[in-house]
Protein backbone atom coordinates (compact mmCIF):
# COMPACT_ATOMS: atom_id res chain seq x y z
CA MET A 1 -13.39 -13.39 -5.21
CA SER A 2 -10.24 -12.21 -6.99
CA LYS A 3 -6.94 -12.04 -5.12
CA SER A 4 -6.66 -8.30 -5.83
CA LYS A 5 -10.01 -7.60 -4.21
CA ASP A 6 -9.32 -10.02 -1.35
CA PHE A 7 -6.08 -8.19 -0.48
CA LEU A 8 -7.79 -4.83 -0.60
CA ARG A 9 -10.61 -6.03 1.65
CA VAL A 10 -8.02 -6.91 4.31
CA LYS A 11 -6.58 -3.38 4.16
CA VAL A 12 -10.03 -1.79 4.27
CA ASP A 13 -11.05 -3.97 7.24
CA GLU A 14 -7.92 -2.89 9.11
CA ASP A 15 -8.53 0.79 8.41
CA LEU A 16 -12.17 0.66 9.51
CA LYS A 17 -11.39 -1.29 12.70
CA SER A 18 -8.67 1.21 13.63
CA GLY A 19 -11.15 4.06 13.29
CA LYS A 20 -9.04 5.79 10.63
CA TYR A 21 -12.12 6.29 8.44
CA LYS A 22 -15.87 6.43 9.07
CA GLU A 23 -16.77 5.27 5.56
CA VAL A 24 -15.03 3.90 2.49
CA VAL A 25 -14.62 6.27 -0.45
CA THR A 26 -12.85 5.09 -3.60
CA ARG A 27 -12.54 6.63 -7.04
CA PHE A 28 -12.17 5.57 -10.68
CA PRO A 29 -9.99 8.31 -12.21
CA PRO A 30 -9.45 7.73 -15.96
CA GLU A 31 -7.92 10.25 -18.33
CA PRO A 32 -10.52 11.10 -21.00
CA ASN A 33 -8.16 10.56 -23.94
CA GLY A 34 -9.65 7.38 -25.41
CA PHE A 35 -12.35 4.76 -24.99
CA PRO A 36 -11.97 2.45 -21.95
CA HIS A 37 -10.76 -1.10 -22.61
CA ILE A 38 -10.94 -4.38 -20.73
CA GLY A 39 -8.11 -3.27 -18.43
CA HIS A 40 -10.22 -0.35 -17.29
CA ALA A 41 -13.06 -2.79 -16.64
CA LYS A 42 -10.93 -4.48 -13.97
CA SER A 43 -10.24 -1.13 -12.30
CA ILE A 44 -13.93 -0.20 -12.49
CA CYS A 45 -14.92 -3.50 -10.88
CA ILE A 46 -12.39 -3.16 -8.06
CA ASN A 47 -13.00 0.50 -7.24
CA PHE A 48 -16.79 0.43 -7.47
CA GLY A 49 -16.94 -3.10 -6.04
CA ILE A 50 -14.93 -2.31 -2.89
CA ALA A 51 -17.10 0.76 -2.26
CA GLN A 52 -20.27 -1.32 -2.67
CA ASP A 53 -19.00 -4.06 -0.37
CA TYR A 54 -18.60 -1.54 2.46
CA ASN A 55 -21.69 0.59 1.76
CA GLY A 56 -19.45 3.47 0.76
CA HIS A 57 -19.29 5.26 -2.57
CA CYS A 58 -16.99 5.50 -5.55
CA ASN A 59 -16.35 8.77 -7.36
CA LEU A 60 -16.05 8.88 -11.12
CA ARG A 61 -13.32 11.46 -11.76
CA MET A 62 -11.96 12.55 -15.11
CA ASP A 63 -8.22 13.20 -14.89
CA ASP A 64 -8.37 16.04 -17.42
CA THR A 65 -4.92 17.60 -16.97
CA ASP A 66 -3.65 17.35 -20.57
CA PRO A 67 -5.73 19.56 -22.88
CA THR A 68 -3.87 18.36 -25.98
CA LYS A 69 -5.36 14.85 -25.82
CA GLU A 70 -8.73 15.02 -24.06
CA ASP A 71 -12.26 15.40 -25.38
CA THR A 72 -15.89 15.33 -24.27
CA LYS A 73 -16.60 12.26 -26.42
CA TYR A 74 -14.19 10.27 -24.27
CA VAL A 75 -15.92 11.49 -21.10
CA GLU A 76 -19.22 10.16 -22.45
CA ALA A 77 -17.61 6.85 -23.46
CA LEU A 78 -16.26 6.38 -19.94
CA LYS A 79 -19.63 7.17 -18.38
CA ASP A 80 -21.34 4.75 -20.76
CA ALA A 81 -18.88 1.96 -19.89
CA VAL A 82 -19.36 2.34 -16.13
CA THR A 83 -23.14 2.43 -16.51
CA TRP A 84 -23.20 -0.58 -18.87
CA LEU A 85 -21.18 -2.61 -16.36
CA GLY A 86 -23.90 -1.91 -13.79
CA PHE A 87 -22.26 0.67 -11.53
CA ASN A 88 -23.63 4.02 -10.43
CA TRP A 89 -21.61 7.02 -9.28
CA GLY A 90 -24.74 8.94 -8.22
CA ASP A 91 -23.86 12.61 -7.85
CA ASN A 92 -20.19 11.78 -7.42
CA ILE A 93 -18.80 12.70 -10.84
CA HIS A 94 -15.85 15.06 -10.77
CA PHE A 95 -13.15 16.53 -12.97
CA THR A 96 -9.62 17.32 -11.87
CA SER A 97 -10.10 20.64 -13.66
CA ASP A 98 -12.72 21.47 -10.97
CA TYR A 99 -9.81 21.68 -8.54
CA PHE A 100 -7.32 23.67 -10.63
CA PRO A 101 -7.61 26.80 -8.41
CA ARG A 102 -7.05 24.80 -5.20
CA ILE A 103 -4.21 22.77 -6.69
CA TYR A 104 -2.57 26.01 -7.81
CA ASP A 105 -2.89 27.38 -4.26
CA TYR A 106 -1.23 24.23 -2.89
CA ALA A 107 1.65 24.78 -5.32
CA ILE A 108 2.03 28.33 -4.00
CA GLU A 109 2.21 26.90 -0.47
CA LEU A 110 5.03 24.55 -1.45
CA ILE A 111 6.97 27.42 -3.06
CA LYS A 112 6.59 29.53 0.09
CA MET A 113 7.83 26.58 2.16
CA GLY A 114 10.92 26.30 -0.03
CA LYS A 115 9.73 22.89 -1.21
CA ALA A 116 9.15 23.79 -4.87
CA TYR A 117 10.96 25.90 -7.45
CA VAL A 118 10.65 27.05 -11.05
CA ASP A 119 13.22 25.28 -13.21
CA SER A 120 14.30 26.63 -16.60
CA LEU A 121 16.21 23.61 -17.85
CA ASN A 122 14.91 22.16 -21.10
CA GLU A 123 13.48 18.65 -21.34
CA GLU A 124 16.75 17.05 -22.41
CA GLU A 125 18.74 18.77 -19.65
CA ILE A 126 16.21 17.68 -17.03
CA ARG A 127 16.64 14.10 -18.25
CA GLN A 128 20.44 14.35 -18.08
CA TYR A 129 20.41 15.93 -14.63
CA ARG A 130 18.16 13.16 -13.25
CA GLY A 131 21.02 10.63 -13.18
CA THR A 132 20.62 6.88 -13.46
CA VAL A 133 19.61 3.98 -11.23
CA THR A 134 23.27 3.66 -10.22
CA GLU A 135 24.28 7.34 -10.23
CA ALA A 136 22.81 10.22 -8.25
CA GLY A 137 21.29 13.11 -10.12
CA LYS A 138 22.39 16.72 -10.10
CA ARG A 139 20.10 19.51 -8.92
CA SER A 140 19.49 22.40 -11.29
CA ASP A 141 21.16 25.71 -10.42
CA TYR A 142 17.72 27.28 -10.84
CA ALA A 143 16.75 25.58 -7.57
CA ASN A 144 18.66 28.39 -5.82
CA ARG A 145 16.10 30.98 -6.86
CA SER A 146 14.52 32.89 -4.00
CA VAL A 147 10.95 32.29 -2.89
CA GLU A 148 10.00 35.70 -4.28
CA GLU A 149 11.50 34.97 -7.69
CA ASN A 150 9.81 31.58 -7.84
CA LEU A 151 6.44 33.10 -6.95
CA ASP A 152 6.87 35.78 -9.60
CA LEU A 153 7.87 33.30 -12.31
CA PHE A 154 5.11 30.87 -11.42
CA GLU A 155 2.49 33.61 -11.64
CA LYS A 156 3.85 34.63 -15.04
CA MET A 157 3.66 30.98 -16.13
CA LYS A 158 0.02 30.96 -15.06
CA ASN A 159 -0.64 34.20 -16.95
CA GLY A 160 0.71 32.73 -20.18
CA GLU A 161 3.82 34.91 -20.44
CA PHE A 162 6.14 32.03 -21.40
CA LYS A 163 6.26 29.48 -24.22
CA ASP A 164 5.59 25.76 -23.79
CA GLY A 165 8.60 24.08 -22.18
CA GLU A 166 10.28 27.35 -21.20
CA HIS A 167 9.79 26.69 -17.48
CA VAL A 168 8.41 23.97 -15.21
CA LEU A 169 7.59 23.85 -11.51
CA ARG A 170 9.41 21.10 -9.62
CA ALA A 171 9.26 19.73 -6.10
CA LYS A 172 12.48 20.11 -4.12
CA ILE A 173 13.06 16.68 -2.63
CA ASP A 174 16.23 14.62 -3.18
CA MET A 175 18.26 14.32 -6.39
CA SER A 176 20.09 11.28 -4.97
CA ALA A 177 16.95 9.34 -3.98
CA SER A 178 17.04 5.64 -4.84
CA ASN A 179 13.51 6.03 -6.17
CA MET A 180 14.10 8.16 -9.26
CA LYS A 181 10.52 9.39 -9.13
CA MET A 182 11.57 11.39 -6.06
CA ARG A 183 14.36 13.28 -7.81
CA ASP A 184 12.67 16.67 -7.85
CA PRO A 185 9.58 15.56 -9.81
CA LEU A 186 7.72 17.98 -12.05
CA LEU A 187 4.59 19.52 -10.55
CA TYR A 188 3.44 21.87 -13.34
CA ARG A 189 4.11 22.36 -17.04
CA ILE A 190 3.13 25.07 -19.51
CA ARG A 191 0.50 24.09 -22.08
CA HIS A 192 -0.95 26.70 -24.44
CA ALA A 193 -3.92 24.66 -25.59
CA HIS A 194 -7.70 24.84 -25.41
CA HIS A 195 -9.09 22.76 -22.56
CA PHE A 196 -12.44 21.12 -23.34
CA ARG A 197 -13.90 22.38 -20.04
CA ALA A 198 -11.71 25.26 -18.87
CA GLY A 199 -11.19 26.80 -22.30
CA LYS A 200 -8.22 29.20 -22.33
CA GLN A 201 -8.41 29.97 -18.61
CA TRP A 202 -5.17 28.16 -17.77
CA SER A 203 -1.74 28.19 -19.39
CA ILE A 204 -0.27 25.74 -16.86
CA TYR A 205 -1.47 22.28 -15.95
CA PRO A 206 -0.56 20.09 -12.95
CA MET A 207 1.24 16.81 -13.49
CA TYR A 208 -0.46 13.54 -12.53
CA ASP A 209 1.61 12.99 -9.38
CA PHE A 210 0.68 16.40 -8.00
CA ALA A 211 -2.95 16.59 -9.07
CA HIS A 212 -3.94 13.03 -8.26
CA CYS A 213 -3.22 12.90 -4.54
CA LEU A 214 -4.67 16.38 -3.99
CA SER A 215 -7.84 15.53 -5.92
CA ASP A 216 -8.22 12.41 -3.78
CA TYR A 217 -7.80 14.51 -0.65
CA ILE A 218 -10.25 17.19 -1.78
CA GLU A 219 -12.89 14.53 -2.53
CA GLY A 220 -12.43 12.75 0.78
CA VAL A 221 -11.18 9.56 -0.87
CA THR A 222 -9.95 7.01 1.68
CA HIS A 223 -8.46 4.27 -0.52
CA SER A 224 -6.77 5.37 -3.73
CA ILE A 225 -6.59 2.10 -5.65
CA CYS A 226 -4.40 2.02 -8.76
CA THR A 227 -2.31 -0.38 -10.83
CA LEU A 228 1.17 -1.58 -9.94
CA GLU A 229 3.03 0.67 -12.39
CA PHE A 230 2.25 3.49 -9.93
CA GLU A 231 3.92 1.72 -6.99
CA ASN A 232 7.00 3.96 -7.15
CA ASN A 233 4.72 7.01 -7.38
CA ARG A 234 3.32 6.25 -3.92
CA GLU A 235 6.29 8.04 -2.34
CA ILE A 236 5.41 11.26 -4.17
CA TYR A 237 1.75 10.79 -3.25
CA ASP A 238 2.66 10.63 0.44
CA TRP A 239 5.31 13.38 0.19
CA VAL A 240 2.87 15.93 -1.21
CA LEU A 241 0.17 15.26 1.38
CA ASP A 242 2.62 15.00 4.30
CA THR A 243 4.61 18.10 3.32
CA LEU A 244 1.48 20.21 3.02
CA LYS A 245 0.37 18.88 6.45
CA LEU A 246 -3.21 18.52 5.27
CA THR A 247 -5.90 17.98 7.88
CA PRO A 248 -6.77 14.29 8.45
CA PRO A 249 -8.28 12.07 7.32
CA ARG A 250 -6.10 11.72 4.26
CA PRO A 251 -6.10 9.09 1.52
CA TYR A 252 -3.56 6.30 1.03
CA GLN A 253 -2.58 4.59 -2.18
CA TYR A 254 -2.88 0.84 -2.73
CA GLU A 255 -1.87 -1.04 -5.88
CA PHE A 256 -3.17 -4.08 -7.75
CA ALA A 257 -1.83 -5.91 -10.79
CA ARG A 258 -2.92 -4.38 -14.08
CA LEU A 259 -4.70 -6.62 -16.54
CA GLY A 260 -2.72 -8.08 -19.44
CA ILE A 261 -4.06 -10.41 -22.13
CA ASN A 262 -1.74 -12.26 -24.51
CA TYR A 263 -1.88 -11.22 -28.17
CA THR A 264 -4.13 -8.28 -27.30
CA VAL A 265 -3.28 -4.59 -27.71
CA MET A 266 -3.96 -2.93 -24.34
CA SER A 267 -2.43 0.49 -25.01
CA LYS A 268 -4.80 3.43 -25.52
CA ARG A 269 -2.10 5.14 -27.57
CA LYS A 270 -1.86 2.19 -29.97
CA LEU A 271 -5.62 1.76 -30.08
CA LEU A 272 -5.89 5.44 -30.98
CA GLU A 273 -3.48 4.88 -33.87
CA LEU A 274 -5.71 2.09 -35.19
CA VAL A 275 -8.81 4.28 -34.94
CA GLU A 276 -7.27 7.44 -36.40
CA GLY A 277 -5.54 5.45 -39.14
CA ASN A 278 -8.92 3.98 -40.19
CA TYR A 279 -7.63 0.44 -39.71
CA VAL A 280 -10.83 -0.24 -37.74
CA SER A 281 -14.36 1.13 -37.96
CA GLY A 282 -14.08 3.05 -34.69
CA TRP A 283 -13.53 2.63 -30.97
CA ASP A 284 -16.44 0.18 -30.87
CA ASP A 285 -15.02 -2.06 -33.61
CA PRO A 286 -15.75 -5.62 -32.37
CA ARG A 287 -12.12 -6.59 -32.99
CA LEU A 288 -10.89 -4.12 -30.36
CA PRO A 289 -10.62 -4.95 -26.63
CA THR A 290 -12.58 -1.83 -25.72
CA ILE A 291 -15.67 -2.16 -23.57
CA ALA A 292 -17.68 -0.66 -26.45
CA GLY A 293 -16.15 -3.27 -28.77
CA TYR A 294 -17.04 -6.15 -26.47
CA LYS A 295 -20.55 -4.76 -26.12
CA ARG A 296 -20.94 -4.59 -29.91
CA ARG A 297 -19.53 -8.13 -30.24
CA GLY A 298 -22.33 -9.41 -28.03
CA TYR A 299 -20.65 -9.91 -24.67
CA THR A 300 -22.85 -9.27 -21.64
CA PRO A 301 -21.90 -7.03 -18.72
CA GLU A 302 -22.08 -10.10 -16.45
CA SER A 303 -19.44 -11.91 -18.52
CA ILE A 304 -17.05 -8.98 -18.17
CA LEU A 305 -17.71 -8.71 -14.41
CA ASN A 306 -17.14 -12.46 -13.92
CA PHE A 307 -13.95 -12.31 -15.97
CA CYS A 308 -12.55 -9.43 -13.89
CA ASP A 309 -13.57 -11.04 -10.60
CA GLN A 310 -11.94 -14.39 -11.37
CA ILE A 311 -8.61 -13.14 -12.71
CA GLY A 312 -6.90 -12.29 -9.44
């Protein structure tokens, strides 16, 4: 058994013994903006594997919060990869876009609590105001807006009355926090783009750190298992759920080491460049480290599962 999975089993055992949860619910939450690669295979194996080990279930959830990059063909590719590897999500397939109305309502709650505000700084100013790892940031003057003004502006953002980038919704936390992720992180941005499921219904879209923890909560996820680059995001995850005082049980985030292979391109953005630049025959080109590519090259699902289980 891999070290990642062994560590997670210890945490799950502790949670079940303490009575915190009645069953184990995990989730595999990819963004449908490309074909899954071997790194995703590790996440699939851990999330679905942990759920299987404890007779729980794993949700397949599409993190479709950026309409400029996502497409139905990527949804199908992700479903095909999970199925080919031998896992079954049953009826538990979800989309973050399913929860847009509820996530919006949670944002309204934060504004009413004085814990979120509409900021009108541009992207460069937000970056400058954030500070550095050695210097505290500076809070935007727009944070002094009244609750009523914030509610009015946020509704107008939702109704499409502003241009992209004109306003954002931010959490009001701590601009001097040692964890820079906690320096008033963005919760919503304006995106005038067609969403492959929601169409033109929304002009604003939640950021990952806001949508992810709430989607986990809505689905009844117990163990939100993600890669180590999200370790610093765990504070935001907890802040959102704790600040909203959501009814228990609530999910907790756990991290594992992401997969890296020497001399292998593991970035979806770079793989997309190869595909769109016609340097390869497609996402299933056997030279690519995508699951579809490995399948076309002749690898078996068992070989991929063994590889992921032995890595640690």
